[in-house]
Amino acid sequence: MIRSQIIGCGAYLPENIVTNEELSKRVDTSDEWIRERTGIRERRIVREGECTSHLAVEASRRALMDAGIDAGELDLIVCATTTPDETFPAVATVIQSRLGMVGGAAFDVQAVCSGFIYGLAVADNFIKAGQAKTVLLVGAETMSRLLDWTDRATCVLFGDGAGAIILQAHEAEGTSADRGVLNTMLYSDGRLHDLLYVDGGPSSTRTTGYLRMKGKEVFRHAVTNLAAAIQDSAAKAGVQVSDIDWFVPHQANQRILDGTARKLGVSPDRMISTVAVHGNTSSASVPLAMMTAIEDGRIKKGDLVLLEAMGGGFTWGAALVRW
């Protein structure tokens, strides 16, 4: 059978670092208050004129370089984002143009913080169906553009960034020992809209709107839903949760990461965490955390790696990958 193997990874963060101390000068909060509730120390925020596409293109270039291929070898670009430069066209087409990719196809996927997992499912299925051999998948966000900077419950949580991977078709045996994407599991529940949403849009308010969230309810659903998705993914692959070497979760809140680990009965040390220095970068958080663990040597060839995320909608999902 055909498996989608990850042959290259890249990441990019804006240079502008905003610490908790700096935020405390803008809103009624403190470093202690933020750290205690979220685990976040700092986040990267784009400067004026810096757009989602700028971050996405740089992460994509680094992924192509890591894979040792050029843009002309790509068949498809999928960009997961909820903060496009413009209402249309898709950020993916901007990436396509700036990379010099001619031909193929490019489009965006919008599943908020779950976007990278949804995008991975789309890319994997294109490869399995034989419609693409080599795919660039990007998660890129400028969440700071959606924040109400007077709302301390939300503005302290989010940051900007981008991560990208190159997926390529390779023949495999069809077992859990195969390298590549073993499965993807996607879920949603539209009834939970009011717990996490943006109060604007082109067809409603004709404005971008601000992010609104009921944090306690989001936390409760996140731990339950993510643990179940992980268990489903492991069962589908015929492995135990205890067999998984590394968990790369969406970086929403350190308490969610710790709560999920407890519910699964796994050591928190196996949960890759970058939330302290990145904050919540929505669809970029999983590839950014994954890249961190690759660069520091934790994720190695042959490791079983579980990616998972949950976002507004609600959407959530998991993907199991043999590195």
Protein backbone atom coordinates (compact mmCIF):
# COMPACT_ATOMS: atom_id res chain seq x y z
CA MET A 1 0.00 0.00 0.00
CA ILE A 2 0.96 3.65 -0.19
CA ARG A 3 1.90 5.61 2.94
CA SER A 4 2.42 9.36 3.21
CA GLN A 5 5.88 9.86 4.68
CA ILE A 6 7.05 13.16 6.17
CA ILE A 7 10.29 13.93 4.33
CA GLY A 8 10.82 17.54 5.39
CA CYS A 9 9.81 20.02 8.10
CA GLY A 10 10.14 23.76 8.54
CA ALA A 11 9.00 26.44 10.97
CA TYR A 12 9.00 30.19 11.22
CA LEU A 13 8.18 32.59 14.04
CA PRO A 14 7.96 36.39 13.94
CA GLU A 15 10.95 38.14 15.49
CA ASN A 16 8.78 40.24 17.81
CA ILE A 17 8.60 38.61 21.29
CA VAL A 18 5.89 39.84 23.68
CA THR A 19 6.37 38.79 27.31
CA ASN A 20 3.78 38.57 30.05
CA GLU A 21 5.34 41.61 31.68
CA GLU A 22 4.77 43.64 28.51
CA LEU A 23 1.14 42.50 28.34
CA SER A 24 0.59 43.54 31.96
CA LYS A 25 1.21 47.14 30.87
CA ARG A 26 -1.66 46.92 28.35
CA VAL A 27 -4.28 44.92 30.23
CA ASP A 28 -5.15 44.13 33.87
CA THR A 29 -3.03 41.00 34.29
CA SER A 30 0.35 39.82 35.59
CA ASP A 31 3.07 37.32 34.73
CA GLU A 32 2.06 35.20 37.73
CA TRP A 33 -1.64 35.21 36.77
CA ILE A 34 -0.91 34.13 33.18
CA ARG A 35 1.66 31.46 34.08
CA GLU A 36 -0.52 29.93 36.79
CA ARG A 37 -3.54 29.56 34.50
CA THR A 38 -1.89 28.81 31.15
CA GLY A 39 1.81 28.04 31.49
CA ILE A 40 2.60 30.78 28.95
CA ARG A 41 5.62 33.08 29.48
CA GLU A 42 5.82 34.77 26.09
CA ARG A 43 4.53 34.65 22.54
CA ARG A 44 5.53 35.93 19.09
CA ILE A 45 3.40 38.69 17.56
CA VAL A 46 3.65 39.93 13.97
CA ARG A 47 4.53 43.56 13.36
CA GLU A 48 2.45 45.94 11.24
CA GLY A 49 2.48 44.84 7.59
CA GLU A 50 3.54 41.27 8.40
CA CYS A 51 0.88 38.80 7.19
CA THR A 52 0.05 35.12 7.54
CA SER A 53 1.43 34.44 4.05
CA HIS A 54 4.82 35.88 5.01
CA LEU A 55 5.14 33.37 7.85
CA ALA A 56 3.76 30.52 5.74
CA VAL A 57 6.13 31.10 2.83
CA GLU A 58 9.22 31.16 5.04
CA ALA A 59 8.19 27.96 6.87
CA SER A 60 7.49 26.34 3.48
CA ARG A 61 10.90 27.28 2.09
CA ARG A 62 12.57 25.74 5.11
CA ALA A 63 10.52 22.54 4.75
CA LEU A 64 11.46 22.26 1.06
CA MET A 65 15.12 22.77 1.95
CA ASP A 66 14.92 20.12 4.67
CA ALA A 67 13.32 17.68 2.20
CA GLY A 68 15.93 18.44 -0.45
CA ILE A 69 13.37 19.18 -3.16
CA ASP A 70 12.21 22.30 -4.98
CA ALA A 71 8.72 23.71 -5.42
CA GLY A 72 8.48 22.33 -8.93
CA GLU A 73 8.18 18.82 -7.48
CA LEU A 74 5.03 19.67 -5.51
CA ASP A 75 1.65 18.45 -6.74
CA LEU A 76 -0.46 20.13 -4.06
CA ILE A 77 -0.28 22.81 -1.38
CA VAL A 78 -2.73 22.72 1.54
CA CYS A 79 -2.65 25.62 3.99
CA ALA A 80 -4.49 25.36 7.31
CA THR A 81 -5.37 28.83 8.54
CA THR A 82 -8.19 30.81 10.10
CA THR A 83 -6.42 34.14 9.58
CA PRO A 84 -5.93 34.57 5.82
CA ASP A 85 -4.36 37.74 4.43
CA GLU A 86 -7.60 38.45 2.57
CA THR A 87 -11.07 36.93 2.52
CA PHE A 88 -9.96 35.47 -0.80
CA PRO A 89 -7.89 34.18 -2.51
CA ALA A 90 -6.54 31.32 -0.40
CA VAL A 91 -3.23 31.77 1.39
CA ALA A 92 -2.15 28.52 -0.29
CA THR A 93 -2.26 30.20 -3.70
CA VAL A 94 -0.07 33.04 -2.39
CA ILE A 95 2.41 30.43 -1.14
CA GLN A 96 2.25 28.72 -4.54
CA SER A 97 3.09 31.95 -6.35
CA ARG A 98 5.91 33.01 -4.04
CA LEU A 99 7.54 29.58 -4.12
CA GLY A 100 7.43 29.60 -7.93
CA MET A 101 5.27 26.48 -8.16
CA VAL A 102 3.58 26.32 -11.56
CA GLY A 103 0.83 23.73 -12.03
CA GLY A 104 -0.73 21.48 -9.47
CA ALA A 105 -3.31 22.86 -7.03
CA ALA A 106 -3.43 24.92 -3.86
CA PHE A 107 -6.22 25.59 -1.35
CA ASP A 108 -6.88 26.44 2.30
CA VAL A 109 -8.48 24.34 5.04
CA GLN A 110 -10.35 26.11 7.86
CA ALA A 111 -10.80 24.11 11.06
CA VAL A 112 -9.27 26.68 13.42
CA CYS A 113 -6.84 25.06 15.89
CA SER A 114 -7.53 21.60 14.42
CA GLY A 115 -6.62 22.86 10.96
CA PHE A 116 -3.26 21.12 10.71
CA ILE A 117 -4.77 17.74 11.62
CA TYR A 118 -7.60 18.27 9.12
CA GLY A 119 -5.06 19.36 6.51
CA LEU A 120 -2.96 16.28 7.19
CA ALA A 121 -6.02 14.08 6.61
CA VAL A 122 -6.71 15.87 3.30
CA ALA A 123 -3.10 15.58 2.12
CA ASP A 124 -2.84 11.93 3.19
CA ASN A 125 -6.02 11.00 1.35
CA PHE A 126 -4.89 12.80 -1.83
CA ILE A 127 -1.71 10.75 -1.70
CA LYS A 128 -3.52 7.46 -0.97
CA ALA A 129 -5.95 8.13 -3.83
CA GLY A 130 -3.04 8.61 -6.23
CA GLN A 131 -4.01 12.21 -6.99
CA ALA A 132 -0.77 13.62 -5.58
CA LYS A 133 2.69 12.25 -4.90
CA THR A 134 4.28 15.17 -3.06
CA VAL A 135 2.30 17.61 -0.91
CA LEU A 136 3.23 20.72 1.06
CA LEU A 137 1.10 21.11 4.20
CA VAL A 138 1.31 24.39 6.09
CA GLY A 139 -0.27 25.58 9.34
CA ALA A 140 0.04 29.37 9.57
CA GLU A 141 -1.68 31.97 11.72
CA THR A 142 -1.65 35.59 12.82
CA MET A 143 -4.07 35.11 15.69
CA SER A 144 -3.08 38.48 17.12
CA ARG A 145 -5.24 40.07 14.38
CA LEU A 146 -8.37 38.54 15.97
CA LEU A 147 -7.71 39.52 19.56
CA ASP A 148 -9.54 42.03 21.72
CA TRP A 149 -6.56 43.49 23.57
CA THR A 150 -8.82 44.65 26.43
CA ASP A 151 -9.98 41.08 27.17
CA ARG A 152 -7.40 39.50 29.47
CA ALA A 153 -9.12 36.11 29.29
CA THR A 154 -8.17 35.73 25.61
CA CYS A 155 -5.47 38.19 24.57
CA VAL A 156 -2.84 36.57 26.80
CA LEU A 157 -3.30 33.14 25.22
CA PHE A 158 -2.48 33.52 21.56
CA GLY A 159 0.55 34.04 19.36
CA ASP A 160 1.56 34.00 15.70
CA GLY A 161 3.67 31.55 13.71
CA ALA A 162 3.85 28.95 10.96
CA GLY A 163 4.97 25.35 10.51
CA ALA A 164 5.17 23.23 7.37
CA ILE A 165 5.83 19.64 6.34
CA ILE A 166 6.44 17.86 3.04
CA LEU A 167 4.53 14.60 2.58
CA GLN A 168 5.50 12.13 -0.12
CA ALA A 169 4.06 8.82 -1.33
CA HIS A 170 6.09 5.71 -0.51
CA GLU A 171 5.29 2.01 -0.78
CA ALA A 172 4.74 0.20 2.51
CA GLU A 173 3.61 -3.13 3.96
CA GLY A 174 0.35 -1.89 5.47
CA THR A 175 1.27 -2.53 9.12
CA SER A 176 1.80 -0.28 12.14
CA ALA A 177 5.55 -0.73 11.61
CA ASP A 178 5.36 1.27 8.35
CA ARG A 179 6.96 4.68 8.27
CA GLY A 180 4.49 7.45 7.50
CA VAL A 181 0.93 8.42 8.40
CA LEU A 182 -0.81 5.37 9.88
CA ASN A 183 -4.22 7.01 10.30
CA THR A 184 -6.09 10.28 10.80
CA MET A 185 -9.22 10.68 12.92
CA LEU A 186 -11.47 13.74 12.52
CA TYR A 187 -14.46 14.90 14.58
CA SER A 188 -16.69 17.94 15.04
CA ASP A 189 -19.73 19.10 17.00
CA GLY A 190 -21.34 22.29 15.70
CA ARG A 191 -23.63 22.55 18.74
CA LEU A 192 -20.68 23.91 20.73
CA HIS A 193 -20.24 27.00 18.57
CA ASP A 194 -20.81 29.50 21.38
CA LEU A 195 -17.93 28.21 23.50
CA LEU A 196 -15.25 29.41 21.07
CA TYR A 197 -15.87 31.64 18.08
CA VAL A 198 -15.13 34.99 16.42
CA ASP A 199 -17.95 37.54 16.59
CA GLY A 200 -17.62 38.81 13.03
CA GLY A 201 -17.27 37.86 9.39
CA PRO A 202 -17.87 39.02 5.80
CA SER A 203 -21.51 37.93 5.55
CA SER A 204 -22.60 38.86 9.09
CA THR A 205 -20.87 41.99 10.37
CA ARG A 206 -18.62 42.79 7.39
CA THR A 207 -15.78 42.98 9.89
CA THR A 208 -13.07 40.61 11.06
CA GLY A 209 -14.51 40.42 14.59
CA TYR A 210 -12.85 39.38 17.85
CA LEU A 211 -12.19 35.98 19.34
CA ARG A 212 -14.58 35.02 22.16
CA MET A 213 -14.17 32.03 24.47
CA LYS A 214 -15.67 30.36 27.53
CA GLY A 215 -12.45 28.97 28.90
CA LYS A 216 -13.72 26.56 31.57
CA GLU A 217 -16.09 24.81 29.15
CA VAL A 218 -13.42 24.61 26.45
CA PHE A 219 -11.02 23.01 28.95
CA ARG A 220 -13.55 20.37 29.96
CA HIS A 221 -14.38 19.37 26.40
CA ALA A 222 -10.75 19.51 25.29
CA VAL A 223 -9.42 16.96 27.78
CA THR A 224 -12.30 14.53 27.19
CA ASN A 225 -12.38 14.82 23.40
CA LEU A 226 -8.64 14.71 22.85
CA ALA A 227 -8.10 11.69 25.09
CA ALA A 228 -10.86 9.83 23.23
CA ALA A 229 -9.40 10.76 19.82
CA ILE A 230 -5.98 9.49 20.87
CA GLN A 231 -7.44 6.21 22.08
CA ASP A 232 -9.40 5.81 18.82
CA SER A 233 -6.28 6.44 16.74
CA ALA A 234 -4.20 3.93 18.70
CA ALA A 235 -6.94 1.29 18.48
CA LYS A 236 -7.31 1.78 14.73
CA ALA A 237 -3.58 1.23 14.26
CA GLY A 238 -3.62 -1.85 16.48
CA VAL A 239 -1.28 -0.39 19.10
CA GLN A 240 -1.60 0.59 22.73
CA VAL A 241 -1.48 4.19 23.91
CA SER A 242 1.52 3.10 25.98
CA ASP A 243 3.31 2.16 22.73
CA ILE A 244 3.30 5.78 21.55
CA ASP A 245 6.70 7.41 22.00
CA TRP A 246 5.70 11.06 21.72
CA PHE A 247 2.49 13.07 21.86
CA VAL A 248 2.50 16.36 19.95
CA PRO A 249 -0.62 18.20 21.12
CA HIS A 250 -2.14 21.50 20.14
CA GLN A 251 -0.51 24.08 22.40
CA ALA A 252 -3.60 25.72 23.90
CA ASN A 253 -2.88 25.62 27.61
CA GLN A 254 -0.41 23.66 29.74
CA ARG A 255 -3.25 22.53 32.01
CA ILE A 256 -4.99 20.90 29.03
CA LEU A 257 -1.78 19.07 28.13
CA ASP A 258 -1.33 17.87 31.72
CA GLY A 259 -5.00 16.92 32.05
CA THR A 260 -4.91 14.89 28.84
CA ALA A 261 -1.77 13.06 30.00
CA ARG A 262 -3.45 12.18 33.31
CA LYS A 263 -6.59 10.93 31.58
CA LEU A 264 -4.50 8.70 29.31
CA GLY A 265 -2.24 7.53 32.12
CA VAL A 266 0.95 8.62 30.37
CA SER A 267 3.89 10.63 31.65
CA PRO A 268 3.66 14.39 30.98
CA ASP A 269 7.29 14.12 29.82
CA ARG A 270 6.03 12.41 26.65
CA MET A 271 3.84 15.41 25.82
CA ILE A 272 5.82 17.87 23.70
CA SER A 273 5.13 21.31 25.14
CA THR A 274 6.09 24.66 23.61
CA VAL A 275 3.15 26.64 24.98
CA ALA A 276 5.42 28.55 27.37
CA VAL A 277 7.29 30.28 24.54
CA HIS A 278 4.78 30.13 21.65
CA GLY A 279 1.38 30.53 23.30
CA ASN A 280 -1.56 29.21 21.29
CA THR A 281 -0.72 29.60 17.58
CA SER A 282 -3.87 27.74 16.45
CA SER A 283 -3.21 25.59 13.35
CA ALA A 284 0.52 26.36 13.54
CA SER A 285 0.96 24.95 17.04
CA VAL A 286 1.28 21.25 16.19
CA PRO A 287 3.92 21.65 13.45
CA LEU A 288 5.83 24.22 15.55
CA ALA A 289 5.92 21.84 18.53
CA MET A 290 6.83 18.93 16.27
CA MET A 291 9.71 20.89 14.74
CA THR A 292 11.01 21.78 18.21
CA ALA A 293 11.11 18.11 19.22
CA ILE A 294 12.82 17.13 15.97
CA GLU A 295 15.49 19.78 16.34
CA ASP A 296 16.28 18.90 19.95
CA GLY A 297 16.53 15.19 19.11
CA ARG A 298 13.52 13.85 20.98
CA ILE A 299 11.63 12.66 17.88
CA LYS A 300 13.79 10.14 16.03
CA LYS A 301 13.41 7.81 13.05
CA GLY A 302 11.13 4.90 13.90
CA ASP A 303 9.34 6.66 16.75
CA LEU A 304 5.56 6.42 17.00
CA VAL A 305 4.24 10.00 17.18
CA LEU A 306 0.66 11.07 17.93
CA LEU A 307 -0.50 14.50 16.76
CA GLU A 308 -3.74 15.94 18.15
CA ALA A 309 -5.69 19.20 18.33
CA MET A 310 -9.04 20.76 19.13
CA GLY A 311 -10.45 24.09 17.98
CA GLY A 312 -13.54 26.22 17.52
CA GLY A 313 -16.52 24.69 15.89
CA PHE A 314 -15.88 22.43 17.82
CA THR A 315 -13.47 20.49 15.67
CA TRP A 316 -10.90 18.02 16.90
CA GLY A 317 -8.81 15.14 15.69
CA ALA A 318 -5.71 12.99 15.91
CA ALA A 319 -3.12 11.51 13.57
CA LEU A 320 -0.69 8.68 14.22
CA VAL A 321 2.64 8.82 12.41
CA ARG A 322 5.61 6.44 12.36
CA TRP A 323 8.60 8.73 11.99
